[in-house]
């Protein structure tokens, strides 16, 4: 069985580590942690297979996700990738819908909420 690749981007090291460790508990997932928007775009352009899912923080130190998601959606090889958008802003649901992402999480969130949303977007083979 092929592991599903999940790219996780958050500039808060504690949150990035928590998500990475939580998702690594599931042996079906391979986690690619990054902390900057440019790292997301560089990974998608480096010739490797695109991730099966992306979990992106809205506000990043270099380029925010509301800037990079339209770029991801324009590219043929990445436009199909489901995205979970995270943020502490009050109406993350409205921002997520405006960007056309599949799911969102309001920070702080419960680990089981993250697991549920990931499992909905990446059902087992």
PDB file of N, CA and C in Angstrom:
ATOM      1  N   UNK A   1       0.842  -1.180   0.000  1.00  0.00           N
ATOM      2  CA  UNK A   1       0.000   0.000   0.000  1.00  0.00           C
ATOM      3  C   UNK A   1       0.890   1.247   0.000  1.00  0.00           C
ATOM      4  N   UNK A   2       0.604   2.151  -0.911  1.00  0.00           N
ATOM      5  CA  UNK A   2       1.353   3.399  -1.019  1.00  0.00           C
ATOM      6  C   UNK A   2       0.919   4.362   0.077  1.00  0.00           C
ATOM      7  N   UNK A   3       1.911   4.978   0.726  1.00  0.00           N
ATOM      8  CA  UNK A   3       1.601   5.996   1.733  1.00  0.00           C
ATOM      9  C   UNK A   3       1.084   7.246   1.030  1.00  0.00           C
ATOM     10  N   UNK A   4       0.170   7.928   1.676  1.00  0.00           N
ATOM     11  CA  UNK A   4      -0.351   9.193   1.155  1.00  0.00           C
ATOM     12  C   UNK A   4       0.533  10.319   1.666  1.00  0.00           C
ATOM     13  N   UNK A   5       0.959  11.180   0.740  1.00  0.00           N
ATOM     14  CA  UNK A   5       1.816  12.316   1.083  1.00  0.00           C
ATOM     15  C   UNK A   5       0.957  13.512   1.489  1.00  0.00           C
ATOM     16  N   UNK A   6       1.269  14.053   2.672  1.00  0.00           N
ATOM     17  CA  UNK A   6       0.567  15.230   3.178  1.00  0.00           C
ATOM     18  C   UNK A   6       1.596  16.325   3.416  1.00  0.00           C
ATOM     19  N   UNK A   7       1.467  17.426   2.690  1.00  0.00           N
ATOM     20  CA  UNK A   7       2.334  18.585   2.891  1.00  0.00           C
ATOM     21  C   UNK A   7       1.666  19.487   3.918  1.00  0.00           C
ATOM     22  N   UNK A   8       2.390  19.797   4.997  1.00  0.00           N
ATOM     23  CA  UNK A   8       1.871  20.637   6.075  1.00  0.00           C
ATOM     24  C   UNK A   8       2.724  21.891   6.151  1.00  0.00           C
ATOM     25  N   UNK A   9       2.085  23.070   6.145  1.00  0.00           N
ATOM     26  CA  UNK A   9       2.824  24.332   6.227  1.00  0.00           C
ATOM     27  C   UNK A   9       2.245  25.207   7.330  1.00  0.00           C
ATOM     28  N   UNK A  10       3.100  25.483   8.326  1.00  0.00           N
ATOM     29  CA  UNK A  10       2.754  26.424   9.390  1.00  0.00           C
ATOM     30  C   UNK A  10       4.047  27.033   9.887  1.00  0.00           C
ATOM     31  N   UNK A  11       4.065  28.343  10.099  1.00  0.00           N
ATOM     32  CA  UNK A  11       5.289  28.995  10.565  1.00  0.00           C
ATOM     33  C   UNK A  11       5.480  28.891  12.073  1.00  0.00           C
ATOM     34  N   UNK A  12       4.481  28.420  12.795  1.00  0.00           N
ATOM     35  CA  UNK A  12       4.600  28.196  14.232  1.00  0.00           C
ATOM     36  C   UNK A  12       5.164  26.783  14.434  1.00  0.00           C
ATOM     37  N   UNK A  13       6.405  26.707  14.918  1.00  0.00           N
ATOM     38  CA  UNK A  13       7.079  25.406  15.054  1.00  0.00           C
ATOM     39  C   UNK A  13       6.304  24.427  15.923  1.00  0.00           C
ATOM     40  N   UNK A  14       5.690  24.912  16.989  1.00  0.00           N
ATOM     41  CA  UNK A  14       4.950  24.023  17.888  1.00  0.00           C
ATOM     42  C   UNK A  14       3.741  23.409  17.178  1.00  0.00           C
ATOM     43  N   UNK A  15       3.024  24.206  16.413  1.00  0.00           N
ATOM     44  CA  UNK A  15       1.860  23.701  15.683  1.00  0.00           C
ATOM     45  C   UNK A  15       2.310  22.752  14.580  1.00  0.00           C
ATOM     46  N   UNK A  16       3.345  23.128  13.851  1.00  0.00           N
ATOM     47  CA  UNK A  16       3.859  22.267  12.786  1.00  0.00           C
ATOM     48  C   UNK A  16       4.294  20.914  13.348  1.00  0.00           C
ATOM     49  N   UNK A  17       4.986  20.936  14.465  1.00  0.00           N
ATOM     50  CA  UNK A  17       5.441  19.696  15.084  1.00  0.00           C
ATOM     51  C   UNK A  17       4.260  18.857  15.579  1.00  0.00           C
ATOM     52  N   UNK A  18       3.268  19.499  16.192  1.00  0.00           N
ATOM     53  CA  UNK A  18       2.102  18.780  16.694  1.00  0.00           C
ATOM     54  C   UNK A  18       1.347  18.092  15.561  1.00  0.00           C
ATOM     55  N   UNK A  19       1.107  18.819  14.482  1.00  0.00           N
ATOM     56  CA  UNK A  19       0.388  18.234  13.343  1.00  0.00           C
ATOM     57  C   UNK A  19       1.202  17.096  12.736  1.00  0.00           C
ATOM     58  N   UNK A  20       2.491  17.319  12.556  1.00  0.00           N
ATOM     59  CA  UNK A  20       3.359  16.307  11.974  1.00  0.00           C
ATOM     60  C   UNK A  20       3.352  15.035  12.815  1.00  0.00           C
ATOM     61  N   UNK A  21       3.544  15.178  14.116  1.00  0.00           N
ATOM     62  CA  UNK A  21       3.577  14.005  14.991  1.00  0.00           C
ATOM     63  C   UNK A  21       2.228  13.309  15.047  1.00  0.00           C
ATOM     64  N   UNK A  22       1.151  14.071  15.098  1.00  0.00           N
ATOM     65  CA  UNK A  22      -0.183  13.483  15.133  1.00  0.00           C
ATOM     66  C   UNK A  22      -0.459  12.657  13.876  1.00  0.00           C
ATOM     67  N   UNK A  23      -0.181  13.238  12.717  1.00  0.00           N
ATOM     68  CA  UNK A  23      -0.484  12.535  11.474  1.00  0.00           C
ATOM     69  C   UNK A  23       0.466  11.361  11.223  1.00  0.00           C
ATOM     70  N   UNK A  24       1.694  11.442  11.737  1.00  0.00           N
ATOM     71  CA  UNK A  24       2.628  10.321  11.575  1.00  0.00           C
ATOM     72  C   UNK A  24       2.208   9.089  12.363  1.00  0.00           C
ATOM     73  N   UNK A  25       1.287   9.244  13.295  1.00  0.00           N
ATOM     74  CA  UNK A  25       0.763   8.089  14.026  1.00  0.00           C
ATOM     75  C   UNK A  25       0.004   7.156  13.095  1.00  0.00           C
ATOM     76  N   UNK A  26      -0.504   7.707  12.017  1.00  0.00           N
ATOM     77  CA  UNK A  26      -1.192   6.895  11.010  1.00  0.00           C
ATOM     78  C   UNK A  26      -0.153   6.412  10.001  1.00  0.00           C
ATOM     79  N   UNK A  27       0.067   5.135   9.945  1.00  0.00           N
ATOM     80  CA  UNK A  27       1.103   4.568   9.083  1.00  0.00           C
ATOM     81  C   UNK A  27       0.815   4.738   7.599  1.00  0.00           C
ATOM     82  N   UNK A  28      -0.398   5.170   7.268  1.00  0.00           N
ATOM     83  CA  UNK A  28      -0.739   5.389   5.862  1.00  0.00           C
ATOM     84  C   UNK A  28      -0.229   6.727   5.345  1.00  0.00           C
ATOM     85  N   UNK A  29       0.251   7.601   6.241  1.00  0.00           N
ATOM     86  CA  UNK A  29       0.628   8.948   5.851  1.00  0.00           C
ATOM     87  C   UNK A  29       2.135   9.168   5.914  1.00  0.00           C
ATOM     88  N   UNK A  30       2.629   9.889   4.902  1.00  0.00           N
ATOM     89  CA  UNK A  30       3.992  10.413   4.908  1.00  0.00           C
ATOM     90  C   UNK A  30       3.851  11.932   4.964  1.00  0.00           C
ATOM     91  N   UNK A  31       4.467  12.567   5.976  1.00  0.00           N
ATOM     92  CA  UNK A  31       4.273  13.999   6.208  1.00  0.00           C
ATOM     93  C   UNK A  31       5.478  14.786   5.704  1.00  0.00           C
ATOM     94  N   UNK A  32       5.205  15.863   4.980  1.00  0.00           N
ATOM     95  CA  UNK A  32       6.229  16.776   4.473  1.00  0.00           C
ATOM     96  C   UNK A  32       6.008  18.120   5.174  1.00  0.00           C
ATOM     97  N   UNK A  33       6.757  18.406   6.268  1.00  0.00           N
ATOM     98  CA  UNK A  33       6.557  19.665   6.987  1.00  0.00           C
ATOM     99  C   UNK A  33       7.402  20.797   6.409  1.00  0.00           C
ATOM    100  N   UNK A  34       6.781  21.952   6.202  1.00  0.00           N
ATOM    101  CA  UNK A  34       7.481  23.162   5.766  1.00  0.00           C
ATOM    102  C   UNK A  34       6.914  24.350   6.545  1.00  0.00           C
ATOM    103  N   UNK A  35       7.657  25.475   6.534  1.00  0.00           N
ATOM    104  CA  UNK A  35       7.206  26.604   7.353  1.00  0.00           C
ATOM    105  C   UNK A  35       7.011  27.912   6.580  1.00  0.00           C
ATOM    106  N   UNK A  36       7.168  27.878   5.261  1.00  0.00           N
ATOM    107  CA  UNK A  36       7.040  29.102   4.464  1.00  0.00           C
ATOM    108  C   UNK A  36       6.260  28.802   3.181  1.00  0.00           C
ATOM    109  N   UNK A  37       5.559  29.817   2.699  1.00  0.00           N
ATOM    110  CA  UNK A  37       4.796  29.667   1.466  1.00  0.00           C
ATOM    111  C   UNK A  37       5.670  29.331   0.272  1.00  0.00           C
ATOM    112  N   UNK A  38       6.840  29.938   0.190  1.00  0.00           N
ATOM    113  CA  UNK A  38       7.745  29.656  -0.927  1.00  0.00           C
ATOM    114  C   UNK A  38       8.215  28.201  -0.917  1.00  0.00           C
ATOM    115  N   UNK A  39       8.315  27.606   0.277  1.00  0.00           N
ATOM    116  CA  UNK A  39       8.688  26.191   0.361  1.00  0.00           C
ATOM    117  C   UNK A  39       7.588  25.303  -0.214  1.00  0.00           C
ATOM    118  N   UNK A  40       6.341  25.701  -0.011  1.00  0.00           N
ATOM    119  CA  UNK A  40       5.216  24.960  -0.592  1.00  0.00           C
ATOM    120  C   UNK A  40       5.340  24.970  -2.110  1.00  0.00           C
ATOM    121  N   UNK A  41       5.501  26.161  -2.673  1.00  0.00           N
ATOM    122  CA  UNK A  41       5.587  26.283  -4.131  1.00  0.00           C
ATOM    123  C   UNK A  41       6.825  25.576  -4.679  1.00  0.00           C
ATOM    124  N   UNK A  42       7.952  25.666  -3.982  1.00  0.00           N
ATOM    125  CA  UNK A  42       9.176  24.993  -4.429  1.00  0.00           C
ATOM    126  C   UNK A  42       8.979  23.482  -4.436  1.00  0.00           C
ATOM    127  N   UNK A  43       8.332  22.944  -3.413  1.00  0.00           N
ATOM    128  CA  UNK A  43       8.085  21.503  -3.371  1.00  0.00           C
ATOM    129  C   UNK A  43       7.220  21.078  -4.551  1.00  0.00           C
ATOM    130  N   UNK A  44       6.193  21.852  -4.849  1.00  0.00           N
ATOM    131  CA  UNK A  44       5.278  21.498  -5.938  1.00  0.00           C
ATOM    132  C   UNK A  44       5.942  21.588  -7.306  1.00  0.00           C
ATOM    133  N   UNK A  45       7.017  22.371  -7.415  1.00  0.00           N
ATOM    134  CA  UNK A  45       7.686  22.556  -8.700  1.00  0.00           C
ATOM    135  C   UNK A  45       8.944  21.713  -8.853  1.00  0.00           C
ATOM    136  N   UNK A  46       9.296  20.906  -7.845  1.00  0.00           N
ATOM    137  CA  UNK A  46      10.578  20.207  -7.890  1.00  0.00           C
ATOM    138  C   UNK A  46      10.559  18.884  -8.635  1.00  0.00           C
ATOM    139  N   UNK A  47       9.457  18.538  -9.250  1.00  0.00           N
ATOM    140  CA  UNK A  47       9.417  17.328 -10.060  1.00  0.00           C
ATOM    141  C   UNK A  47       8.982  16.076  -9.325  1.00  0.00           C
ATOM    142  N   UNK A  48       8.801  16.168  -8.018  1.00  0.00           N
ATOM    143  CA  UNK A  48       8.297  15.020  -7.271  1.00  0.00           C
ATOM    144  C   UNK A  48       6.792  14.905  -7.486  1.00  0.00           C
ATOM    145  N   UNK A  49       6.244  13.714  -7.210  1.00  0.00           N
ATOM    146  CA  UNK A  49       4.778  13.613  -7.304  1.00  0.00           C
ATOM    147  C   UNK A  49       4.122  14.604  -6.351  1.00  0.00           C
ATOM    148  N   UNK A  50       3.038  15.243  -6.776  1.00  0.00           N
ATOM    149  CA  UNK A  50       2.373  16.200  -5.895  1.00  0.00           C
ATOM    150  C   UNK A  50       1.809  15.498  -4.662  1.00  0.00           C
ATOM    151  N   UNK A  51       1.662  16.231  -3.556  1.00  0.00           N
ATOM    152  CA  UNK A  51       1.081  15.609  -2.360  1.00  0.00           C
ATOM    153  C   UNK A  51      -0.373  15.229  -2.603  1.00  0.00           C
ATOM    154  N   UNK A  52      -0.851  14.312  -1.787  1.00  0.00           N
ATOM    155  CA  UNK A  52      -2.256  13.896  -1.863  1.00  0.00           C
ATOM    156  C   UNK A  52      -3.166  14.866  -1.125  1.00  0.00           C
ATOM    157  N   UNK A  53      -2.571  15.674  -0.229  1.00  0.00           N
ATOM    158  CA  UNK A  53      -3.318  16.635   0.581  1.00  0.00           C
ATOM    159  C   UNK A  53      -2.345  17.709   1.049  1.00  0.00           C
ATOM    160  N   UNK A  54      -2.856  18.935   1.194  1.00  0.00           N
ATOM    161  CA  UNK A  54      -2.064  20.013   1.785  1.00  0.00           C
ATOM    162  C   UNK A  54      -2.843  20.611   2.944  1.00  0.00           C
ATOM    163  N   UNK A  55      -2.123  20.894   4.030  1.00  0.00           N
ATOM    164  CA  UNK A  55      -2.682  21.576   5.189  1.00  0.00           C
ATOM    165  C   UNK A  55      -1.879  22.861   5.329  1.00  0.00           C
ATOM    166  N   UNK A  56      -2.527  23.996   5.105  1.00  0.00           N
ATOM    167  CA  UNK A  56      -1.823  25.275   5.030  1.00  0.00           C
ATOM    168  C   UNK A  56      -2.360  26.273   6.046  1.00  0.00           C
ATOM    169  N   UNK A  57      -1.430  26.924   6.759  1.00  0.00           N
ATOM    170  CA  UNK A  57      -1.789  28.047   7.606  1.00  0.00           C
ATOM    171  C   UNK A  57      -2.065  29.239   6.683  1.00  0.00           C
ATOM    172  N   UNK A  58      -3.029  30.059   7.041  1.00  0.00           N
ATOM    173  CA  UNK A  58      -3.363  31.207   6.200  1.00  0.00           C
ATOM    174  C   UNK A  58      -2.246  32.242   6.180  1.00  0.00           C
ATOM    175  N   UNK A  59      -1.747  32.615   7.359  1.00  0.00           N
ATOM    176  CA  UNK A  59      -0.735  33.667   7.438  1.00  0.00           C
ATOM    177  C   UNK A  59       0.639  33.055   7.584  1.00  0.00           C
ATOM    178  N   UNK A  60       1.510  33.359   6.637  1.00  0.00           N
ATOM    179  CA  UNK A  60       2.877  32.838   6.629  1.00  0.00           C
ATOM    180  C   UNK A  60       3.842  34.011   6.527  1.00  0.00           C
ATOM    181  N   UNK A  61       5.100  33.818   6.917  1.00  0.00           N
ATOM    182  CA  UNK A  61       6.020  34.959   6.973  1.00  0.00           C
ATOM    183  C   UNK A  61       6.417  35.540   5.616  1.00  0.00           C
ATOM    184  N   UNK A  62       6.374  34.748   4.569  1.00  0.00           N
ATOM    185  CA  UNK A  62       6.823  35.255   3.267  1.00  0.00           C
ATOM    186  C   UNK A  62       5.670  35.502   2.304  1.00  0.00           C
ATOM    187  N   UNK A  63       4.847  34.503   2.076  1.00  0.00           N
ATOM    188  CA  UNK A  63       3.680  34.639   1.185  1.00  0.00           C
ATOM    189  C   UNK A  63       2.518  33.920   1.834  1.00  0.00           C
ATOM    190  N   UNK A  64       1.439  34.625   2.030  1.00  0.00           N
ATOM    191  CA  UNK A  64       0.280  34.025   2.679  1.00  0.00           C
ATOM    192  C   UNK A  64      -0.408  33.031   1.755  1.00  0.00           C
ATOM    193  N   UNK A  65      -1.143  32.120   2.380  1.00  0.00           N
ATOM    194  CA  UNK A  65      -1.814  31.070   1.606  1.00  0.00           C
ATOM    195  C   UNK A  65      -2.869  31.615   0.662  1.00  0.00           C
ATOM    196  N   UNK A  66      -3.478  32.763   0.992  1.00  0.00           N
ATOM    197  CA  UNK A  66      -4.457  33.318   0.061  1.00  0.00           C
ATOM    198  C   UNK A  66      -3.788  33.825  -1.219  1.00  0.00           C
ATOM    199  N   UNK A  67      -2.455  33.958  -1.210  1.00  0.00           N
ATOM    200  CA  UNK A  67      -1.700  34.284  -2.424  1.00  0.00           C
ATOM    201  C   UNK A  67      -1.264  33.028  -3.168  1.00  0.00           C
ATOM    202  N   UNK A  68      -0.867  31.992  -2.417  1.00  0.00           N
ATOM    203  CA  UNK A  68      -0.314  30.812  -3.093  1.00  0.00           C
ATOM    204  C   UNK A  68      -1.379  29.813  -3.538  1.00  0.00           C
ATOM    205  N   UNK A  69      -2.532  29.785  -2.866  1.00  0.00           N
ATOM    206  CA  UNK A  69      -3.574  28.839  -3.285  1.00  0.00           C
ATOM    207  C   UNK A  69      -4.029  29.108  -4.722  1.00  0.00           C
ATOM    208  N   UNK A  70      -4.258  30.366  -5.141  1.00  0.00           N
ATOM    209  CA  UNK A  70      -4.609  30.578  -6.555  1.00  0.00           C
ATOM    210  C   UNK A  70      -3.530  30.061  -7.516  1.00  0.00           C
ATOM    211  N   UNK A  71      -2.259  30.173  -7.136  1.00  0.00           N
ATOM    212  CA  UNK A  71      -1.189  29.619  -7.980  1.00  0.00           C
ATOM    213  C   UNK A  71      -1.292  28.103  -8.060  1.00  0.00           C
ATOM    214  N   UNK A  72      -1.564  27.482  -6.939  1.00  0.00           N
ATOM    215  CA  UNK A  72      -1.705  26.017  -6.901  1.00  0.00           C
ATOM    216  C   UNK A  72      -2.865  25.594  -7.782  1.00  0.00           C
ATOM    217  N   UNK A  73      -3.973  26.307  -7.707  1.00  0.00           N
ATOM    218  CA  UNK A  73      -5.177  25.950  -8.472  1.00  0.00           C
ATOM    219  C   UNK A  73      -5.016  26.209  -9.972  1.00  0.00           C
ATOM    220  N   UNK A  74      -4.081  27.079 -10.372  1.00  0.00           N
ATOM    221  CA  UNK A  74      -3.873  27.361 -11.810  1.00  0.00           C
ATOM    222  C   UNK A  74      -3.086  26.263 -12.511  1.00  0.00           C
ATOM    223  N   UNK A  75      -2.259  25.535 -11.772  1.00  0.00           N
ATOM    224  CA  UNK A  75      -1.391  24.523 -12.376  1.00  0.00           C
ATOM    225  C   UNK A  75      -2.142  23.213 -12.573  1.00  0.00           C
ATOM    226  N   UNK A  76      -2.019  22.652 -13.750  1.00  0.00           N
ATOM    227  CA  UNK A  76      -2.737  21.418 -14.089  1.00  0.00           C
ATOM    228  C   UNK A  76      -2.399  20.267 -13.138  1.00  0.00           C
ATOM    229  N   UNK A  77      -1.121  20.140 -12.780  1.00  0.00           N
ATOM    230  CA  UNK A  77      -0.710  18.993 -11.960  1.00  0.00           C
ATOM    231  C   UNK A  77      -0.977  19.176 -10.459  1.00  0.00           C
ATOM    232  N   UNK A  78      -1.444  20.367 -10.047  1.00  0.00           N
ATOM    233  CA  UNK A  78      -1.709  20.592  -8.619  1.00  0.00           C
ATOM    234  C   UNK A  78      -3.137  21.064  -8.322  1.00  0.00           C
ATOM    235  N   UNK A  79      -3.899  21.407  -9.333  1.00  0.00           N
ATOM    236  CA  UNK A  79      -5.213  22.006  -9.074  1.00  0.00           C
ATOM    237  C   UNK A  79      -6.188  21.056  -8.391  1.00  0.00           C
ATOM    238  N   UNK A  80      -5.941  19.761  -8.485  1.00  0.00           N
ATOM    239  CA  UNK A  80      -6.834  18.756  -7.902  1.00  0.00           C
ATOM    240  C   UNK A  80      -6.538  18.441  -6.436  1.00  0.00           C
ATOM    241  N   UNK A  81      -5.429  18.940  -5.897  1.00  0.00           N
ATOM    242  CA  UNK A  81      -5.005  18.574  -4.543  1.00  0.00           C
ATOM    243  C   UNK A  81      -5.953  19.187  -3.513  1.00  0.00           C
ATOM    244  N   UNK A  82      -6.554  18.375  -2.654  1.00  0.00           N
ATOM    245  CA  UNK A  82      -7.398  18.947  -1.611  1.00  0.00           C
ATOM    246  C   UNK A  82      -6.552  19.731  -0.609  1.00  0.00           C
ATOM    247  N   UNK A  83      -7.144  20.800  -0.077  1.00  0.00           N
ATOM    248  CA  UNK A  83      -6.448  21.682   0.858  1.00  0.00           C
ATOM    249  C   UNK A  83      -7.314  21.889   2.095  1.00  0.00           C
ATOM    250  N   UNK A  84      -6.650  21.827   3.261  1.00  0.00           N
ATOM    251  CA  UNK A  84      -7.260  22.236   4.525  1.00  0.00           C
ATOM    252  C   UNK A  84      -6.560  23.534   4.914  1.00  0.00           C
ATOM    253  N   UNK A  85      -7.326  24.601   5.064  1.00  0.00           N
ATOM    254  CA  UNK A  85      -6.780  25.905   5.433  1.00  0.00           C
ATOM    255  C   UNK A  85      -6.985  26.120   6.933  1.00  0.00           C
ATOM    256  N   UNK A  86      -5.929  26.572   7.615  1.00  0.00           N
ATOM    257  CA  UNK A  86      -5.999  26.812   9.062  1.00  0.00           C
ATOM    258  C   UNK A  86      -5.757  28.292   9.350  1.00  0.00           C
ATOM    259  N   UNK A  87      -6.443  28.793  10.386  1.00  0.00           N
ATOM    260  CA  UNK A  87      -6.179  30.161  10.818  1.00  0.00           C
ATOM    261  C   UNK A  87      -6.905  30.433  12.129  1.00  0.00           C
ATOM    262  N   UNK A  88      -6.436  31.443  12.832  1.00  0.00           N
ATOM    263  CA  UNK A  88      -7.094  31.894  14.052  1.00  0.00           C
ATOM    264  C   UNK A  88      -8.095  33.016  13.763  1.00  0.00           C
ATOM    265  N   UNK A  89      -8.235  33.420  12.500  1.00  0.00           N
ATOM    266  CA  UNK A  89      -9.201  34.485  12.213  1.00  0.00           C
ATOM    267  C   UNK A  89     -10.620  33.975  12.441  1.00  0.00           C
ATOM    268  N   UNK A  90     -11.499  34.882  12.751  1.00  0.00           N
ATOM    269  CA  UNK A  90     -12.860  34.506  13.154  1.00  0.00           C
ATOM    270  C   UNK A  90     -13.622  33.821  12.028  1.00  0.00           C
ATOM    271  N   UNK A  91     -13.545  34.309  10.823  1.00  0.00           N
ATOM    272  CA  UNK A  91     -14.340  33.741   9.719  1.00  0.00           C
ATOM    273  C   UNK A  91     -13.464  32.990   8.716  1.00  0.00           C
ATOM    274  N   UNK A  92     -12.678  32.063   9.222  1.00  0.00           N
ATOM    275  CA  UNK A  92     -11.837  31.257   8.337  1.00  0.00           C
ATOM    276  C   UNK A  92     -12.694  30.508   7.322  1.00  0.00           C
ATOM    277  N   UNK A  93     -13.922  30.156   7.688  1.00  0.00           N
ATOM    278  CA  UNK A  93     -14.797  29.447   6.755  1.00  0.00           C
ATOM    279  C   UNK A  93     -15.078  30.288   5.513  1.00  0.00           C
ATOM    280  N   UNK A  94     -15.284  31.591   5.685  1.00  0.00           N
ATOM    281  CA  UNK A  94     -15.561  32.469   4.542  1.00  0.00           C
ATOM    282  C   UNK A  94     -14.326  32.612   3.648  1.00  0.00           C
ATOM    283  N   UNK A  95     -13.160  32.766   4.269  1.00  0.00           N
ATOM    284  CA  UNK A  95     -11.924  32.872   3.494  1.00  0.00           C
ATOM    285  C   UNK A  95     -11.687  31.577   2.733  1.00  0.00           C
ATOM    286  N   UNK A  96     -11.873  30.450   3.405  1.00  0.00           N
ATOM    287  CA  UNK A  96     -11.655  29.152   2.764  1.00  0.00           C
ATOM    288  C   UNK A  96     -12.589  28.966   1.560  1.00  0.00           C
ATOM    289  N   UNK A  97     -13.840  29.297   1.750  1.00  0.00           N
ATOM    290  CA  UNK A  97     -14.796  29.165   0.634  1.00  0.00           C
ATOM    291  C   UNK A  97     -14.406  30.079  -0.529  1.00  0.00           C
ATOM    292  N   UNK A  98     -13.970  31.301  -0.210  1.00  0.00           N
ATOM    293  CA  UNK A  98     -13.607  32.235  -1.284  1.00  0.00           C
ATOM    294  C   UNK A  98     -12.397  31.740  -2.070  1.00  0.00           C
ATOM    295  N   UNK A  99     -11.545  30.947  -1.425  1.00  0.00           N
ATOM    296  CA  UNK A  99     -10.355  30.406  -2.092  1.00  0.00           C
ATOM    297  C   UNK A  99     -10.624  29.042  -2.740  1.00  0.00           C
ATOM    298  N   UNK A 100     -11.801  28.494  -2.501  1.00  0.00           N
ATOM    299  CA  UNK A 100     -12.153  27.214  -3.100  1.00  0.00           C
ATOM    300  C   UNK A 100     -11.467  26.015  -2.474  1.00  0.00           C
ATOM    301  N   UNK A 101     -11.114  26.134  -1.181  1.00  0.00           N
ATOM    302  CA  UNK A 101     -10.495  24.982  -0.530  1.00  0.00           C
ATOM    303  C   UNK A 101     -11.577  24.060   0.031  1.00  0.00           C
ATOM    304  N   UNK A 102     -11.193  22.815   0.227  1.00  0.00           N
ATOM    305  CA  UNK A 102     -12.160  21.789   0.595  1.00  0.00           C
ATOM    306  C   UNK A 102     -12.559  21.818   2.066  1.00  0.00           C
ATOM    307  N   UNK A 103     -11.624  22.164   2.945  1.00  0.00           N
ATOM    308  CA  UNK A 103     -11.890  22.152   4.389  1.00  0.00           C
ATOM    309  C   UNK A 103     -11.131  23.283   5.056  1.00  0.00           C
ATOM    310  N   UNK A 104     -11.470  23.559   6.313  1.00  0.00           N
ATOM    311  CA  UNK A 104     -10.782  24.575   7.096  1.00  0.00           C
ATOM    312  C   UNK A 104     -10.812  24.167   8.561  1.00  0.00           C
ATOM    313  N   UNK A 105      -9.873  24.725   9.301  1.00  0.00           N
ATOM    314  CA  UNK A 105      -9.796  24.522  10.746  1.00  0.00           C
ATOM    315  C   UNK A 105      -9.550  25.869  11.405  1.00  0.00           C
ATOM    316  N   UNK A 106     -10.352  26.189  12.401  1.00  0.00           N
ATOM    317  CA  UNK A 106     -10.136  27.402  13.186  1.00  0.00           C
ATOM    318  C   UNK A 106      -9.193  27.059  14.333  1.00  0.00           C
ATOM    319  N   UNK A 107      -8.108  27.820  14.440  1.00  0.00           N
ATOM    320  CA  UNK A 107      -7.162  27.614  15.544  1.00  0.00           C
ATOM    321  C   UNK A 107      -7.694  28.301  16.795  1.00  0.00           C
ATOM    322  N   UNK A 108      -7.532  27.702  17.957  1.00  0.00           N
ATOM    323  CA  UNK A 108      -6.992  26.372  18.191  1.00  0.00           C
ATOM    324  C   UNK A 108      -8.027  25.311  17.827  1.00  0.00           C
ATOM    325  N   UNK A 109      -7.566  24.154  17.430  1.00  0.00           N
ATOM    326  CA  UNK A 109      -8.468  23.068  17.068  1.00  0.00           C
ATOM    327  C   UNK A 109      -8.088  21.816  17.843  1.00  0.00           C
ATOM    328  N   UNK A 110      -9.028  20.918  17.925  1.00  0.00           N
ATOM    329  CA  UNK A 110      -8.792  19.646  18.596  1.00  0.00           C
ATOM    330  C   UNK A 110      -8.119  18.681  17.630  1.00  0.00           C
ATOM    331  N   UNK A 111      -7.201  17.856  18.114  1.00  0.00           N
ATOM    332  CA  UNK A 111      -6.551  16.882  17.236  1.00  0.00           C
ATOM    333  C   UNK A 111      -7.544  15.994  16.492  1.00  0.00           C
ATOM    334  N   UNK A 112      -8.621  15.608  17.153  1.00  0.00           N
ATOM    335  CA  UNK A 112      -9.594  14.741  16.486  1.00  0.00           C
ATOM    336  C   UNK A 112     -10.311  15.457  15.341  1.00  0.00           C
ATOM    337  N   UNK A 113     -10.435  16.793  15.427  1.00  0.00           N
ATOM    338  CA  UNK A 113     -11.021  17.541  14.305  1.00  0.00           C
ATOM    339  C   UNK A 113     -10.110  17.478  13.086  1.00  0.00           C
ATOM    340  N   UNK A 114      -8.817  17.619  13.314  1.00  0.00           N
ATOM    341  CA  UNK A 114      -7.852  17.499  12.217  1.00  0.00           C
ATOM    342  C   UNK A 114      -7.893  16.093  11.633  1.00  0.00           C
ATOM    343  N   UNK A 115      -7.851  15.092  12.487  1.00  0.00           N
ATOM    344  CA  UNK A 115      -7.876  13.703  12.007  1.00  0.00           C
ATOM    345  C   UNK A 115      -9.134  13.425  11.193  1.00  0.00           C
ATOM    346  N   UNK A 116     -10.264  13.933  11.647  1.00  0.00           N
ATOM    347  CA  UNK A 116     -11.524  13.719  10.933  1.00  0.00           C
ATOM    348  C   UNK A 116     -11.483  14.346   9.541  1.00  0.00           C
ATOM    349  N   UNK A 117     -11.028  15.583   9.461  1.00  0.00           N
ATOM    350  CA  UNK A 117     -10.998  16.264   8.168  1.00  0.00           C
ATOM    351  C   UNK A 117     -10.008  15.595   7.209  1.00  0.00           C
ATOM    352  N   UNK A 118      -8.856  15.194   7.723  1.00  0.00           N
ATOM    353  CA  UNK A 118      -7.878  14.486   6.885  1.00  0.00           C
ATOM    354  C   UNK A 118      -8.480  13.169   6.392  1.00  0.00           C
ATOM    355  N   UNK A 119      -9.119  12.424   7.262  1.00  0.00           N
ATOM    356  CA  UNK A 119      -9.684  11.123   6.855  1.00  0.00           C
ATOM    357  C   UNK A 119     -10.813  11.295   5.841  1.00  0.00           C
ATOM    358  N   UNK A 120     -11.552  12.403   5.923  1.00  0.00           N
ATOM    359  CA  UNK A 120     -12.600  12.668   4.924  1.00  0.00           C
ATOM    360  C   UNK A 120     -12.009  12.921   3.548  1.00  0.00           C
ATOM    361  N   UNK A 121     -10.878  13.637   3.518  1.00  0.00           N
ATOM    362  CA  UNK A 121     -10.257  13.991   2.240  1.00  0.00           C
ATOM    363  C   UNK A 121      -9.330  12.904   1.704  1.00  0.00           C
ATOM    364  N   UNK A 122      -8.848  12.036   2.591  1.00  0.00           N
ATOM    365  CA  UNK A 122      -7.959  10.937   2.198  1.00  0.00           C
ATOM    366  C   UNK A 122      -8.494   9.620   2.726  1.00  0.00           C
ATOM    367  N   UNK A 123      -9.579   9.145   2.160  1.00  0.00           N
ATOM    368  CA  UNK A 123     -10.123   7.871   2.663  1.00  0.00           C
ATOM    369  C   UNK A 123      -9.120   6.738   2.420  1.00  0.00           C
ATOM    370  N   UNK A 124      -9.145   5.711   3.264  1.00  0.00           N
ATOM    371  CA  UNK A 124      -8.216   4.590   3.063  1.00  0.00           C
ATOM    372  C   UNK A 124      -8.451   3.916   1.715  1.00  0.00           C
ATOM    373  N   UNK A 125      -7.378   3.372   1.169  1.00  0.00           N
ATOM    374  CA  UNK A 125      -7.486   2.647  -0.121  1.00  0.00           C
ATOM    375  C   UNK A 125      -8.283   1.374   0.031  1.00  0.00           C
TER     376      UNK A 125
END
